[in-house]
Amino acid sequence: MATYPDDATVSLTAFTTVGTTTYTSTGATVEFPLPSTVSFAGEVIATIDGIVQDVSSYYLSNNNGSVSFIAAPGATELVLRTIDLPQRFRATRTYPAVYHAHYSNTASTTIDSNTYLLNGVATAFSVPTPALGNINSANAIFVTLSGVLQNLDSFTYPSATLGYNGIDLPIAPAIDDGEVDYANTTLEVRTLIGAVDSIGRFTDMRDRKPSNGFQLGREYMVSKYETQAGYERRRLMSRRSRRSYQLTYTNISGVEREAIETFYNDRNGEYETFTFDLTHINSSGTVRVRFDGALDIKQVISSGSALAQNFYTVTLKMREDFS
C-alpha cells in the first residue's frame, strides 16, 4: 500500500541537467569521473541499470570531480548525471548510515583498490567506511556468513593487515573443495555510522511540511430523527470515530506540486486507499485514508516555463477509511 508523503516522489526530469556520462565497465572500479564538478553529492544522480541510487550510496572524491562507491557497482550500465539544484531543493539530513560490502566465491569484489574473493585462503576483508573516519567499535560492524549473522568474537577489528579499514576472520571462508559443496558461500560486511550529515536533494514530500498548518476533524456516525413536535432521537451507529485531515502547502514550486498531483492521480482520486504517515503533521503512527474530494491547485506566480519557476498553493483533503 502506498504511503503519503513518502511515495509522493519527485521526477528526476524536474532538475536541469548539466552533464551526463555513461560507464559500461564497472566490475572492478569504484571511482568514476563526473561530467562536471559539483558542490555536494545531491547534485549527482547515479543510475545503475536503470535504478536510481540513494545519495548515501556514494560520496564525492577527487576534489568533487568524481564519485566513489563502497564496492564496484558491477553494473551493465552506470549513468552519472550532474544537475543544477536550486537552494530550495537542497536538504541537509543527519541520519544513521549503513554501508554494505558483499564477498563471494564466484565473483571478485574491489574495495579501496583491493580485490577480494572467497578462495579458502583470504582471511582479511575490507570494511566499508567511505571517507567518514574510522569506526570506533566492533559493535558497529555486522558480519554475515552465508546468511548467518556472526557473533562479535567471530572476527577481529581492527585487522592486523588492513588496520581500521578491515576485519580478520579466524578461518578463511570455505570454497567448493570437490567433496563438500560450498558454491553458495557469501560474506556480508555492514557498518553502521551513527550520525552522518549529508546535503542531498529534495526527493519526496517528507521534506515539505504543510506551510499553512493543517486541519484535523473527528466525527461519530449518528442517526438522527426529529418529530414534528420538535423532539429529537439519536442513535449511535458506531463507537468508532472517523478522522479527517486537510493539508495546505503555500507557495510551493511546480516540482512539489507535480509530486502531490502524481500521487493523487496514481490513487485515482478518491478510489484507492493509502497510508498517511502522521509524522508529516508532527504526530505519531499511521492511519489508513483515502482522498476526500478534488485536489485544489491554485497558481500563485510564474517566472518561466520550468517547474521550479512556477509556484502554487495546493490543498488536499483525506478521510479515514475503514474498508
C-alpha atoms as a PDB file:
ATOM      1  CA  MET A   1       0.000   0.000   0.000  1.00  0.00           C
ATOM      2  CA  ALA A   2       1.312   3.432  -0.924  1.00  0.00           C
ATOM      3  CA  THR A   3       2.261   5.896   1.810  1.00  0.00           C
ATOM      4  CA  TYR A   4       1.935   9.661   1.869  1.00  0.00           C
ATOM      5  CA  PRO A   5       4.188  11.650   1.948  1.00  0.00           C
ATOM      6  CA  ASP A   6       6.942   9.051   1.349  1.00  0.00           C
ATOM      7  CA  ASP A   7       5.647   7.938  -2.058  1.00  0.00           C
ATOM      8  CA  ALA A   8       4.875  11.421  -3.351  1.00  0.00           C
ATOM      9  CA  THR A   9       8.214  11.487  -5.132  1.00  0.00           C
ATOM     10  CA  VAL A  10       9.890  13.949  -7.459  1.00  0.00           C
ATOM     11  CA  SER A  11      10.542  13.226 -11.112  1.00  0.00           C
ATOM     12  CA  LEU A  12      14.245  13.428 -11.952  1.00  0.00           C
ATOM     13  CA  THR A  13      13.371  15.452 -15.033  1.00  0.00           C
ATOM     14  CA  ALA A  14      12.401  18.315 -12.720  1.00  0.00           C
ATOM     15  CA  PHE A  15      16.013  19.459 -12.458  1.00  0.00           C
ATOM     16  CA  THR A  16      18.197  20.913 -15.202  1.00  0.00           C
ATOM     17  CA  THR A  17      20.905  18.524 -16.406  1.00  0.00           C
ATOM     18  CA  VAL A  18      24.428  19.933 -16.602  1.00  0.00           C
ATOM     19  CA  GLY A  19      26.154  16.837 -17.958  1.00  0.00           C
ATOM     20  CA  THR A  20      25.778  13.068 -18.397  1.00  0.00           C
ATOM     21  CA  THR A  21      28.373  10.300 -18.540  1.00  0.00           C
ATOM     22  CA  THR A  22      27.753   6.582 -19.085  1.00  0.00           C
ATOM     23  CA  TYR A  23      30.075   3.755 -17.986  1.00  0.00           C
ATOM     24  CA  THR A  24      29.808   0.108 -19.012  1.00  0.00           C
ATOM     25  CA  SER A  25      32.913  -1.363 -17.356  1.00  0.00           C
ATOM     26  CA  THR A  26      32.110  -1.147 -13.650  1.00  0.00           C
ATOM     27  CA  GLY A  27      33.141  -4.545 -12.321  1.00  0.00           C
ATOM     28  CA  ALA A  28      36.453  -3.544 -10.751  1.00  0.00           C
ATOM     29  CA  THR A  29      36.313   0.257 -10.421  1.00  0.00           C
ATOM     30  CA  VAL A  30      34.833   2.226  -7.527  1.00  0.00           C
ATOM     31  CA  GLU A  31      35.722   5.792  -8.561  1.00  0.00           C
ATOM     32  CA  PHE A  32      34.157   7.370 -11.657  1.00  0.00           C
ATOM     33  CA  PRO A  33      34.809  10.888 -13.029  1.00  0.00           C
ATOM     34  CA  LEU A  34      31.758  13.129 -13.269  1.00  0.00           C
ATOM     35  CA  PRO A  35      30.812  15.059 -16.419  1.00  0.00           C
ATOM     36  CA  SER A  36      31.231  18.282 -14.402  1.00  0.00           C
ATOM     37  CA  THR A  37      32.406  19.297 -10.941  1.00  0.00           C
ATOM     38  CA  VAL A  38      29.691  19.582  -8.279  1.00  0.00           C
ATOM     39  CA  SER A  39      29.414  21.132  -4.830  1.00  0.00           C
ATOM     40  CA  PHE A  40      27.766  18.252  -2.947  1.00  0.00           C
ATOM     41  CA  ALA A  41      26.513  14.710  -3.520  1.00  0.00           C
ATOM     42  CA  GLY A  42      22.911  15.833  -4.030  1.00  0.00           C
ATOM     43  CA  GLU A  43      23.895  17.356  -7.369  1.00  0.00           C
ATOM     44  CA  VAL A  44      24.698  13.874  -8.708  1.00  0.00           C
ATOM     45  CA  ILE A  45      22.073  11.411  -9.913  1.00  0.00           C
ATOM     46  CA  ALA A  46      23.572   7.917 -10.189  1.00  0.00           C
ATOM     47  CA  THR A  47      21.593   5.257 -12.041  1.00  0.00           C
ATOM     48  CA  ILE A  48      22.697   1.615 -12.018  1.00  0.00           C
ATOM     49  CA  ASP A  49      20.981  -0.475 -14.695  1.00  0.00           C
ATOM     50  CA  GLY A  50      18.040   1.921 -14.675  1.00  0.00           C
ATOM     51  CA  ILE A  51      17.658   2.126 -10.872  1.00  0.00           C
ATOM     52  CA  VAL A  52      18.364   5.477  -9.214  1.00  0.00           C
ATOM     53  CA  GLN A  53      20.730   5.105  -6.258  1.00  0.00           C
ATOM     54  CA  ASP A  54      20.266   6.817  -2.926  1.00  0.00           C
ATOM     55  CA  VAL A  55      22.639   9.717  -2.315  1.00  0.00           C
ATOM     56  CA  SER A  56      24.055   7.865   0.707  1.00  0.00           C
ATOM     57  CA  SER A  57      25.355   5.037  -1.513  1.00  0.00           C
ATOM     58  CA  TYR A  58      28.233   7.113  -2.911  1.00  0.00           C
ATOM     59  CA  TYR A  59      30.432  10.033  -1.916  1.00  0.00           C
ATOM     60  CA  LEU A  60      32.394  12.743  -3.688  1.00  0.00           C
ATOM     61  CA  SER A  61      36.097  12.332  -4.361  1.00  0.00           C
ATOM     62  CA  ASN A  62      38.867  13.851  -6.492  1.00  0.00           C
ATOM     63  CA  ASN A  63      38.013  17.424  -5.395  1.00  0.00           C
ATOM     64  CA  ASN A  64      34.307  16.850  -6.168  1.00  0.00           C
ATOM     65  CA  GLY A  65      35.125  15.855  -9.735  1.00  0.00           C
ATOM     66  CA  SER A  66      34.333  12.162  -9.208  1.00  0.00           C
ATOM     67  CA  VAL A  67      32.057   9.895  -7.200  1.00  0.00           C
ATOM     68  CA  SER A  68      33.188   6.791  -5.352  1.00  0.00           C
ATOM     69  CA  PHE A  69      31.144   3.772  -4.357  1.00  0.00           C
ATOM     70  CA  ILE A  70      31.888   1.466  -1.440  1.00  0.00           C
ATOM     71  CA  ALA A  71      32.207  -1.517  -3.766  1.00  0.00           C
ATOM     72  CA  ALA A  72      32.497  -1.674  -7.533  1.00  0.00           C
ATOM     73  CA  PRO A  73      28.921  -1.430  -8.915  1.00  0.00           C
ATOM     74  CA  GLY A  74      29.341  -4.342 -11.323  1.00  0.00           C
ATOM     75  CA  ALA A  75      26.583  -2.844 -13.453  1.00  0.00           C
ATOM     76  CA  THR A  76      25.900  -3.341 -17.126  1.00  0.00           C
ATOM     77  CA  GLU A  77      25.357   0.408 -17.349  1.00  0.00           C
ATOM     78  CA  LEU A  78      26.184   3.136 -14.859  1.00  0.00           C
ATOM     79  CA  VAL A  79      24.853   6.593 -15.716  1.00  0.00           C
ATOM     80  CA  LEU A  80      26.126   9.627 -13.805  1.00  0.00           C
ATOM     81  CA  ARG A  81      24.195  12.816 -14.273  1.00  0.00           C
ATOM     82  CA  THR A  82      25.068  16.184 -12.739  1.00  0.00           C
ATOM     83  CA  ILE A  83      22.250  18.644 -12.194  1.00  0.00           C
ATOM     84  CA  ASP A  84      21.708  22.279 -11.284  1.00  0.00           C
ATOM     85  CA  LEU A  85      19.998  22.152  -7.904  1.00  0.00           C
ATOM     86  CA  PRO A  86      18.479  25.429  -6.640  1.00  0.00           C
ATOM     87  CA  GLN A  87      18.883  26.253  -2.963  1.00  0.00           C
ATOM     88  CA  ARG A  88      15.258  25.489  -2.122  1.00  0.00           C
ATOM     89  CA  PHE A  89      15.674  21.873  -3.216  1.00  0.00           C
ATOM     90  CA  ARG A  90      18.717  21.167  -1.071  1.00  0.00           C
ATOM     91  CA  ALA A  91      18.128  19.082   2.033  1.00  0.00           C
ATOM     92  CA  THR A  92      20.612  18.587   4.851  1.00  0.00           C
ATOM     93  CA  ARG A  93      19.975  15.387   6.740  1.00  0.00           C
ATOM     94  CA  THR A  94      21.547  13.727   9.738  1.00  0.00           C
ATOM     95  CA  TYR A  95      20.899  10.020   9.678  1.00  0.00           C
ATOM     96  CA  PRO A  96      22.378   6.668  10.678  1.00  0.00           C
ATOM     97  CA  ALA A  97      24.055   5.334   7.548  1.00  0.00           C
ATOM     98  CA  VAL A  98      24.536   1.650   6.787  1.00  0.00           C
ATOM     99  CA  TYR A  99      27.254   0.700   4.307  1.00  0.00           C
ATOM    100  CA  HIS A 100      27.499  -2.718   2.757  1.00  0.00           C
ATOM    101  CA  ALA A 101      30.156  -4.913   1.173  1.00  0.00           C
ATOM    102  CA  HIS A 102      29.423  -8.278  -0.439  1.00  0.00           C
ATOM    103  CA  TYR A 103      32.018 -11.010  -0.995  1.00  0.00           C
ATOM    104  CA  SER A 104      31.533 -14.391  -2.667  1.00  0.00           C
ATOM    105  CA  ASN A 105      33.497 -17.287  -4.131  1.00  0.00           C
ATOM    106  CA  THR A 106      32.065 -16.767  -7.612  1.00  0.00           C
ATOM    107  CA  ALA A 107      32.791 -13.081  -8.338  1.00  0.00           C
ATOM    108  CA  SER A 108      35.541 -10.774  -7.114  1.00  0.00           C
ATOM    109  CA  THR A 109      34.805  -7.561  -5.203  1.00  0.00           C
ATOM    110  CA  THR A 110      37.047  -4.486  -5.376  1.00  0.00           C
ATOM    111  CA  ILE A 111      37.218  -2.084  -2.411  1.00  0.00           C
ATOM    112  CA  ASP A 112      39.946   0.506  -1.786  1.00  0.00           C
ATOM    113  CA  SER A 113      41.861  -0.783  -4.826  1.00  0.00           C
ATOM    114  CA  ASN A 114      41.998  -4.274  -3.261  1.00  0.00           C
ATOM    115  CA  THR A 115      40.294  -7.242  -4.936  1.00  0.00           C
ATOM    116  CA  TYR A 116      38.708  -9.926  -2.757  1.00  0.00           C
ATOM    117  CA  LEU A 117      37.431 -13.429  -3.481  1.00  0.00           C
ATOM    118  CA  LEU A 118      36.412 -16.171  -1.063  1.00  0.00           C
ATOM    119  CA  ASN A 119      39.118 -18.654  -2.044  1.00  0.00           C
ATOM    120  CA  GLY A 120      39.686 -20.611   1.152  1.00  0.00           C
ATOM    121  CA  VAL A 121      42.861 -18.616   1.846  1.00  0.00           C
ATOM    122  CA  ALA A 122      41.951 -14.946   2.390  1.00  0.00           C
ATOM    123  CA  THR A 123      41.001 -14.015   5.961  1.00  0.00           C
ATOM    124  CA  ALA A 124      41.273 -10.193   5.834  1.00  0.00           C
ATOM    125  CA  PHE A 125      38.441  -8.207   4.250  1.00  0.00           C
ATOM    126  CA  SER A 126      37.792  -4.504   3.859  1.00  0.00           C
ATOM    127  CA  VAL A 127      35.204  -2.757   5.977  1.00  0.00           C
ATOM    128  CA  PRO A 128      33.003  -0.270   4.058  1.00  0.00           C
ATOM    129  CA  THR A 129      33.836   3.125   5.588  1.00  0.00           C
ATOM    130  CA  PRO A 130      33.633   5.825   2.890  1.00  0.00           C
ATOM    131  CA  ALA A 131      35.568   8.959   3.883  1.00  0.00           C
ATOM    132  CA  LEU A 132      33.836   9.068   7.257  1.00  0.00           C
ATOM    133  CA  GLY A 133      36.761   8.275   9.505  1.00  0.00           C
ATOM    134  CA  ASN A 134      37.463   5.124  11.438  1.00  0.00           C
ATOM    135  CA  ILE A 135      34.782   3.019  13.073  1.00  0.00           C
ATOM    136  CA  ASN A 136      35.032   3.450  16.828  1.00  0.00           C
ATOM    137  CA  SER A 137      33.996  -0.034  17.844  1.00  0.00           C
ATOM    138  CA  ALA A 138      33.419  -3.535  16.511  1.00  0.00           C
ATOM    139  CA  ASN A 139      29.854  -3.108  17.761  1.00  0.00           C
ATOM    140  CA  ALA A 140      29.206  -1.027  14.631  1.00  0.00           C
ATOM    141  CA  ILE A 141      30.205  -3.921  12.361  1.00  0.00           C
ATOM    142  CA  PHE A 142      27.808  -6.699  11.348  1.00  0.00           C
ATOM    143  CA  VAL A 143      29.226  -9.801   9.672  1.00  0.00           C
ATOM    144  CA  THR A 144      27.029 -12.386   7.969  1.00  0.00           C
ATOM    145  CA  LEU A 145      28.474 -15.640   6.615  1.00  0.00           C
ATOM    146  CA  SER A 146      26.241 -17.459   4.127  1.00  0.00           C
ATOM    147  CA  GLY A 147      23.185 -15.754   5.590  1.00  0.00           C
ATOM    148  CA  VAL A 148      24.043 -16.419   9.262  1.00  0.00           C
ATOM    149  CA  LEU A 149      24.812 -13.408  11.464  1.00  0.00           C
ATOM    150  CA  GLN A 150      28.116 -13.914  13.293  1.00  0.00           C
ATOM    151  CA  ASN A 151      28.900 -13.066  16.909  1.00  0.00           C
ATOM    152  CA  LEU A 152      31.354 -10.285  17.738  1.00  0.00           C
ATOM    153  CA  ASP A 153      34.001 -12.836  18.721  1.00  0.00           C
ATOM    154  CA  SER A 154      33.894 -14.372  15.234  1.00  0.00           C
ATOM    155  CA  PHE A 155      36.091 -11.608  13.763  1.00  0.00           C
ATOM    156  CA  THR A 156      38.849  -9.246  14.850  1.00  0.00           C
ATOM    157  CA  TYR A 157      38.750  -5.463  14.450  1.00  0.00           C
ATOM    158  CA  PRO A 158      40.938  -3.667  13.596  1.00  0.00           C
ATOM    159  CA  SER A 159      42.594  -6.013  11.130  1.00  0.00           C
ATOM    160  CA  ALA A 160      46.248  -6.987  11.561  1.00  0.00           C
ATOM    161  CA  THR A 161      46.884  -6.209   7.881  1.00  0.00           C
ATOM    162  CA  LEU A 162      44.224  -3.644   6.947  1.00  0.00           C
ATOM    163  CA  GLY A 163      44.094  -1.777  10.246  1.00  0.00           C
ATOM    164  CA  TYR A 164      40.904   0.181  10.846  1.00  0.00           C
ATOM    165  CA  ASN A 165      39.923  -0.394   7.226  1.00  0.00           C
ATOM    166  CA  GLY A 166      39.229  -4.092   7.655  1.00  0.00           C
ATOM    167  CA  ILE A 167      38.458  -7.149   9.749  1.00  0.00           C
ATOM    168  CA  ASP A 168      40.204 -10.508  10.183  1.00  0.00           C
ATOM    169  CA  LEU A 169      38.394 -13.840  10.234  1.00  0.00           C
ATOM    170  CA  PRO A 170      39.919 -16.714  12.227  1.00  0.00           C
ATOM    171  CA  ILE A 171      39.277 -19.175   9.390  1.00  0.00           C
ATOM    172  CA  ALA A 172      39.131 -18.413   5.679  1.00  0.00           C
ATOM    173  CA  PRO A 173      35.581 -18.844   4.321  1.00  0.00           C
ATOM    174  CA  ALA A 174      35.366 -22.266   2.636  1.00  0.00           C
ATOM    175  CA  ILE A 175      35.063 -22.884  -1.067  1.00  0.00           C
ATOM    176  CA  ASP A 176      33.959 -25.844  -3.145  1.00  0.00           C
ATOM    177  CA  ASP A 177      36.612 -28.495  -2.417  1.00  0.00           C
ATOM    178  CA  GLY A 178      35.102 -31.228  -4.566  1.00  0.00           C
ATOM    179  CA  GLU A 179      33.759 -33.140  -1.597  1.00  0.00           C
ATOM    180  CA  VAL A 180      31.559 -30.590   0.126  1.00  0.00           C
ATOM    181  CA  ASP A 181      29.575 -28.107  -1.970  1.00  0.00           C
ATOM    182  CA  TYR A 182      30.203 -24.546  -0.755  1.00  0.00           C
ATOM    183  CA  ALA A 183      29.028 -22.972  -4.002  1.00  0.00           C
ATOM    184  CA  ASN A 184      26.766 -20.517  -2.194  1.00  0.00           C
ATOM    185  CA  THR A 185      29.344 -19.231   0.304  1.00  0.00           C
ATOM    186  CA  THR A 186      28.966 -15.479   0.816  1.00  0.00           C
ATOM    187  CA  LEU A 187      30.347 -12.945   3.243  1.00  0.00           C
ATOM    188  CA  GLU A 188      28.433  -9.758   4.023  1.00  0.00           C
ATOM    189  CA  VAL A 189      30.041  -6.946   5.987  1.00  0.00           C
ATOM    190  CA  ARG A 190      27.909  -3.987   7.071  1.00  0.00           C
ATOM    191  CA  THR A 191      28.956  -0.950   9.044  1.00  0.00           C
ATOM    192  CA  LEU A 192      26.666   1.434  10.901  1.00  0.00           C
ATOM    193  CA  ILE A 193      27.711   5.077  11.127  1.00  0.00           C
ATOM    194  CA  GLY A 194      25.584   6.679  13.837  1.00  0.00           C
ATOM    195  CA  ALA A 195      25.341  10.297  12.647  1.00  0.00           C
ATOM    196  CA  VAL A 196      26.137  11.373   9.109  1.00  0.00           C
ATOM    197  CA  ASP A 197      25.443  14.863   7.802  1.00  0.00           C
ATOM    198  CA  SER A 198      24.669  14.881   4.101  1.00  0.00           C
ATOM    199  CA  ILE A 199      23.475  17.594   1.744  1.00  0.00           C
ATOM    200  CA  GLY A 200      21.088  15.815  -0.555  1.00  0.00           C
ATOM    201  CA  ARG A 201      18.245  16.843  -2.785  1.00  0.00           C
ATOM    202  CA  PHE A 202      14.513  17.072  -2.334  1.00  0.00           C
ATOM    203  CA  THR A 203      13.167  13.648  -3.278  1.00  0.00           C
ATOM    204  CA  ASP A 204       9.642  13.442  -1.840  1.00  0.00           C
ATOM    205  CA  MET A 205       7.092  15.367   0.203  1.00  0.00           C
ATOM    206  CA  ARG A 206       8.626  14.304   3.518  1.00  0.00           C
ATOM    207  CA  ASP A 207      10.849  17.362   3.086  1.00  0.00           C
ATOM    208  CA  ARG A 208       7.924  19.807   2.746  1.00  0.00           C
ATOM    209  CA  LYS A 209       5.696  20.279   5.767  1.00  0.00           C
ATOM    210  CA  PRO A 210       2.267  21.871   5.274  1.00  0.00           C
ATOM    211  CA  SER A 211       3.160  25.558   5.288  1.00  0.00           C
ATOM    212  CA  ASN A 212      -0.228  26.859   6.390  1.00  0.00           C
ATOM    213  CA  GLY A 213      -0.602  24.319   9.131  1.00  0.00           C
ATOM    214  CA  PHE A 214      -3.266  21.663   8.874  1.00  0.00           C
ATOM    215  CA  GLN A 215      -6.828  20.946   9.932  1.00  0.00           C
ATOM    216  CA  LEU A 216      -7.993  17.882  11.827  1.00  0.00           C
ATOM    217  CA  GLY A 217     -11.552  16.649  12.148  1.00  0.00           C
ATOM    218  CA  ARG A 218     -13.190  13.814  14.055  1.00  0.00           C
ATOM    219  CA  GLU A 219     -16.806  12.705  13.864  1.00  0.00           C
ATOM    220  CA  TYR A 220     -19.058   9.867  15.006  1.00  0.00           C
ATOM    221  CA  MET A 221     -21.749   8.311  12.853  1.00  0.00           C
ATOM    222  CA  VAL A 222     -25.067   9.241  14.453  1.00  0.00           C
ATOM    223  CA  SER A 223     -28.580   8.652  13.101  1.00  0.00           C
ATOM    224  CA  LYS A 224     -30.960  11.490  13.999  1.00  0.00           C
ATOM    225  CA  TYR A 225     -34.757  11.592  13.909  1.00  0.00           C
ATOM    226  CA  GLU A 226     -36.779  14.721  14.716  1.00  0.00           C
ATOM    227  CA  THR A 227     -40.524  14.618  15.234  1.00  0.00           C
ATOM    228  CA  GLN A 228     -42.991  17.283  14.139  1.00  0.00           C
ATOM    229  CA  ALA A 229     -43.270  18.358  17.745  1.00  0.00           C
ATOM    230  CA  GLY A 230     -39.565  19.093  17.849  1.00  0.00           C
ATOM    231  CA  TYR A 231     -38.459  16.071  19.829  1.00  0.00           C
ATOM    232  CA  GLU A 232     -35.224  14.513  18.638  1.00  0.00           C
ATOM    233  CA  ARG A 233     -33.997  10.950  18.833  1.00  0.00           C
ATOM    234  CA  ARG A 234     -30.399   9.971  18.190  1.00  0.00           C
ATOM    235  CA  ARG A 235     -28.852   6.595  17.652  1.00  0.00           C
ATOM    236  CA  LEU A 236     -25.106   5.979  17.737  1.00  0.00           C
ATOM    237  CA  MET A 237     -24.333   3.927  14.640  1.00  0.00           C
ATOM    238  CA  SER A 238     -20.673   3.292  15.581  1.00  0.00           C
ATOM    239  CA  ARG A 239     -18.497   3.857  18.609  1.00  0.00           C
ATOM    240  CA  ARG A 240     -15.536   4.302  16.316  1.00  0.00           C
ATOM    241  CA  SER A 241     -14.875   7.869  15.252  1.00  0.00           C
ATOM    242  CA  ARG A 242     -13.713   8.783  11.770  1.00  0.00           C
ATOM    243  CA  ARG A 243     -10.821  11.225  11.327  1.00  0.00           C
ATOM    244  CA  SER A 244     -10.296  13.714   8.513  1.00  0.00           C
ATOM    245  CA  TYR A 245      -7.289  15.805   7.517  1.00  0.00           C
ATOM    246  CA  GLN A 246      -6.783  18.897   5.396  1.00  0.00           C
ATOM    247  CA  LEU A 247      -3.257  19.919   4.387  1.00  0.00           C
ATOM    248  CA  THR A 248      -2.335  23.184   2.670  1.00  0.00           C
ATOM    249  CA  TYR A 249       1.013  23.912   1.042  1.00  0.00           C
ATOM    250  CA  THR A 250       1.509  27.583   0.252  1.00  0.00           C
ATOM    251  CA  ASN A 251       3.817  28.878  -2.490  1.00  0.00           C
ATOM    252  CA  ILE A 252       5.374  25.524  -3.323  1.00  0.00           C
ATOM    253  CA  SER A 253       7.082  25.125  -6.691  1.00  0.00           C
ATOM    254  CA  GLY A 254       5.860  23.067  -9.591  1.00  0.00           C
ATOM    255  CA  VAL A 255       8.267  20.308  -8.525  1.00  0.00           C
ATOM    256  CA  GLU A 256       6.385  19.710  -5.257  1.00  0.00           C
ATOM    257  CA  ARG A 257       3.024  20.271  -6.947  1.00  0.00           C
ATOM    258  CA  GLU A 258       3.807  17.582  -9.520  1.00  0.00           C
ATOM    259  CA  ALA A 259       4.822  15.141  -6.760  1.00  0.00           C
ATOM    260  CA  ILE A 260       1.478  15.641  -4.973  1.00  0.00           C
ATOM    261  CA  GLU A 261      -0.551  15.587  -8.179  1.00  0.00           C
ATOM    262  CA  THR A 262       1.102  12.398  -9.430  1.00  0.00           C
ATOM    263  CA  PHE A 263       0.405  10.680  -6.107  1.00  0.00           C
ATOM    264  CA  TYR A 264      -3.237  11.799  -6.292  1.00  0.00           C
ATOM    265  CA  ASN A 265      -3.608  10.580  -9.892  1.00  0.00           C
ATOM    266  CA  ASP A 266      -1.992   7.241  -9.091  1.00  0.00           C
ATOM    267  CA  ARG A 267      -4.684   6.683  -6.442  1.00  0.00           C
ATOM    268  CA  ASN A 268      -7.400   7.631  -8.967  1.00  0.00           C
ATOM    269  CA  GLY A 269      -8.588  10.375  -6.669  1.00  0.00           C
ATOM    270  CA  GLU A 270     -10.959   9.020  -4.028  1.00  0.00           C
ATOM    271  CA  TYR A 271     -10.854   5.450  -5.329  1.00  0.00           C
ATOM    272  CA  GLU A 272      -7.776   3.868  -3.737  1.00  0.00           C
ATOM    273  CA  THR A 273      -6.884   3.904  -0.060  1.00  0.00           C
ATOM    274  CA  PHE A 274      -3.356   4.557   1.161  1.00  0.00           C
ATOM    275  CA  THR A 275      -1.385   5.044   4.374  1.00  0.00           C
ATOM    276  CA  PHE A 276      -0.879   8.510   5.818  1.00  0.00           C
ATOM    277  CA  ASP A 277       2.251   8.870   7.936  1.00  0.00           C
ATOM    278  CA  LEU A 278       1.244  11.132  10.831  1.00  0.00           C
ATOM    279  CA  THR A 279       4.831  12.275  11.427  1.00  0.00           C
ATOM    280  CA  HIS A 280       4.193  14.614   8.489  1.00  0.00           C
ATOM    281  CA  ILE A 281       1.951  16.628  10.822  1.00  0.00           C
ATOM    282  CA  ASN A 282       4.221  16.208  13.851  1.00  0.00           C
ATOM    283  CA  SER A 283       2.231  13.355  15.354  1.00  0.00           C
ATOM    284  CA  SER A 284       2.947   9.626  15.600  1.00  0.00           C
ATOM    285  CA  GLY A 285       1.645   6.483  13.968  1.00  0.00           C
ATOM    286  CA  THR A 286      -0.124   5.927  10.664  1.00  0.00           C
ATOM    287  CA  VAL A 287      -3.719   5.916   9.510  1.00  0.00           C
ATOM    288  CA  ARG A 288      -5.437   4.347   6.520  1.00  0.00           C
ATOM    289  CA  VAL A 289      -7.104   7.058   4.448  1.00  0.00           C
ATOM    290  CA  ARG A 290      -8.401   7.988   1.014  1.00  0.00           C
ATOM    291  CA  PHE A 291      -8.620  11.351  -0.690  1.00  0.00           C
ATOM    292  CA  ASP A 292     -11.787  13.289   0.059  1.00  0.00           C
ATOM    293  CA  GLY A 293     -12.838  15.366  -2.912  1.00  0.00           C
ATOM    294  CA  ALA A 294     -10.813  17.127  -5.564  1.00  0.00           C
ATOM    295  CA  LEU A 295      -7.216  18.259  -5.329  1.00  0.00           C
ATOM    296  CA  ASP A 296      -7.229  22.055  -5.078  1.00  0.00           C
ATOM    297  CA  ILE A 297      -4.355  23.669  -7.040  1.00  0.00           C
ATOM    298  CA  LYS A 298      -4.032  27.429  -7.394  1.00  0.00           C
ATOM    299  CA  GLN A 299      -1.228  29.129  -9.276  1.00  0.00           C
ATOM    300  CA  VAL A 300       0.449  31.971  -7.376  1.00  0.00           C
ATOM    301  CA  ILE A 301       3.143  33.273  -9.724  1.00  0.00           C
ATOM    302  CA  SER A 302       5.199  32.203 -12.715  1.00  0.00           C
ATOM    303  CA  SER A 303       8.620  33.381 -13.832  1.00  0.00           C
ATOM    304  CA  GLY A 304       9.291  30.865 -16.601  1.00  0.00           C
ATOM    305  CA  SER A 305       8.305  27.584 -18.171  1.00  0.00           C
ATOM    306  CA  ALA A 306      10.317  25.259 -15.893  1.00  0.00           C
ATOM    307  CA  LEU A 307       8.610  23.542 -12.970  1.00  0.00           C
ATOM    308  CA  ALA A 308      10.940  25.245 -10.495  1.00  0.00           C
ATOM    309  CA  GLN A 309       9.905  28.662 -11.868  1.00  0.00           C
ATOM    310  CA  ASN A 310       6.193  28.246 -11.152  1.00  0.00           C
ATOM    311  CA  PHE A 311       4.622  28.466  -7.700  1.00  0.00           C
ATOM    312  CA  TYR A 312       1.306  27.170  -6.396  1.00  0.00           C
ATOM    313  CA  THR A 313      -0.870  26.744  -3.340  1.00  0.00           C
ATOM    314  CA  VAL A 314      -2.098  23.154  -3.050  1.00  0.00           C
ATOM    315  CA  THR A 315      -4.775  21.885  -0.674  1.00  0.00           C
ATOM    316  CA  LEU A 316      -5.653  18.222  -0.254  1.00  0.00           C
ATOM    317  CA  LYS A 317      -8.221  16.518   1.948  1.00  0.00           C
ATOM    318  CA  MET A 318      -8.058  12.997   3.339  1.00  0.00           C
ATOM    319  CA  ARG A 319     -10.633  10.954   5.195  1.00  0.00           C
ATOM    320  CA  GLU A 320     -10.068   7.865   7.321  1.00  0.00           C
ATOM    321  CA  ASP A 321     -11.131   4.711   5.527  1.00  0.00           C
ATOM    322  CA  PHE A 322     -12.446   1.544   7.192  1.00  0.00           C
ATOM    323  CA  SER A 323     -12.998  -0.536   4.066  1.00  0.00           C
END
